[in-house]
Protein backbone atom coordinates (compact mmCIF):
# COMPACT_ATOMS: atom_id res chain seq x y z
CA MET A 1 -29.86 0.52 9.82
CA ASP A 2 -26.29 1.83 9.94
CA THR A 3 -24.15 0.38 7.14
CA LYS A 4 -21.18 2.68 7.61
CA ILE A 5 -17.87 0.97 6.83
CA ASP A 6 -14.85 1.84 8.97
CA THR A 7 -12.30 3.32 6.57
CA GLY A 8 -9.58 4.29 9.06
CA LEU A 9 -7.86 1.05 9.99
CA GLY A 10 -4.65 2.42 11.46
CA GLU A 11 -1.12 2.23 10.15
CA GLN A 12 -0.59 -0.82 7.98
CA PRO A 13 2.41 -3.19 7.83
CA ILE A 14 3.41 -1.62 4.50
CA ALA A 15 4.58 1.45 6.46
CA LYS A 16 7.15 -0.58 8.39
CA ILE A 17 8.26 -2.42 5.26
CA MET A 18 8.82 0.85 3.43
CA VAL A 19 10.89 2.21 6.33
CA GLU A 20 12.97 -1.00 6.44
CA HIS A 21 13.83 -0.60 2.76
CA GLY A 22 14.24 3.17 2.95
CA LEU A 23 11.40 3.71 0.48
CA LYS A 24 9.29 6.82 0.09
CA PRO A 25 5.89 6.98 -1.65
CA ASN A 26 7.62 8.50 -4.68
CA ASP A 27 9.79 5.37 -4.99
CA LEU A 28 6.69 3.20 -5.37
CA VAL A 29 5.05 5.58 -7.83
CA SER A 30 8.18 5.85 -10.00
CA ASN A 31 8.81 2.07 -9.94
CA SER A 32 5.27 1.20 -10.92
CA SER A 33 4.49 0.35 -14.51
CA GLU A 34 0.81 0.87 -13.65
CA GLN A 35 -1.20 3.96 -12.91
CA ILE A 36 -0.72 4.63 -9.18
CA THR A 37 -0.53 7.93 -7.38
CA HIS A 38 1.15 9.28 -4.29
CA LYS A 39 -2.31 9.56 -2.75
CA MET A 40 -2.91 5.80 -3.22
CA VAL A 41 0.38 4.98 -1.51
CA SER A 42 -0.32 7.44 1.29
CA ARG A 43 -3.75 5.94 1.89
CA SER A 44 -2.22 2.45 1.91
CA VAL A 45 0.19 3.40 4.66
CA LYS A 46 -2.42 5.21 6.78
CA GLY A 47 -4.88 2.33 6.69
CA ARG A 48 -7.55 3.77 4.47
CA ARG A 49 -9.59 0.94 2.98
CA LEU A 50 -8.63 0.44 -0.68
CA ASN A 51 -10.29 -1.70 -3.29
CA LEU A 52 -8.55 -4.92 -4.28
CA SER A 53 -7.23 -3.70 -7.62
CA ILE A 54 -5.47 -0.75 -5.99
CA GLN A 55 -4.08 -3.01 -3.28
CA TYR A 56 -2.52 -5.21 -5.97
CA LYS A 57 -1.09 -2.20 -7.81
CA VAL A 58 0.57 -0.99 -4.61
CA LEU A 59 1.81 -4.52 -3.88
CA ARG A 60 3.41 -4.89 -7.33
CA ALA A 61 5.06 -1.46 -7.02
CA LEU A 62 6.40 -2.35 -3.56
CA ASN A 63 7.77 -5.67 -4.78
CA LYS A 64 9.52 -4.01 -7.71
CA ALA A 65 10.95 -1.17 -5.60
CA SER A 66 12.13 -3.43 -2.75
CA GLY A 67 13.30 -6.41 -4.81
CA LYS A 68 11.29 -8.70 -2.51
CA ASN A 69 8.19 -10.80 -3.10
CA TYR A 70 5.58 -9.72 -0.55
CA LEU A 71 1.98 -10.93 -0.47
CA LEU A 72 -1.12 -8.83 0.22
CA LYS A 73 -1.40 -10.33 3.70
CA ASP A 74 2.15 -9.08 4.41
CA ILE A 75 1.36 -5.46 3.71
CA PHE A 76 -2.30 -5.05 4.69
CA ASN A 77 -4.01 -6.34 7.84
CA TYR A 78 -7.61 -5.96 6.71
C-alpha cells in the first residue's frame, strides 16, 4: 500500500499576495512575534505542505506585515 503524501502543491496564493504588497520573506520573519524562519516562508510560497501551526504562524506574520486580515483559505489552497 502506497501512503505517500504529495508535498509539492505548486505556488500558493500567498506568493501573489506578497508580490502585491511588495513583501519579501524577510519582511514576514522580521514582523513576526513568533518563531518563524525564512525556510518556513519559502516553503509556504512554493507549496510545500506545512502543518497547521506553521500555517497560522505564517498567516499572522503576513497579516501584521501587510496590514490586512487574510484567512488561511486566502493564502493556501490545500
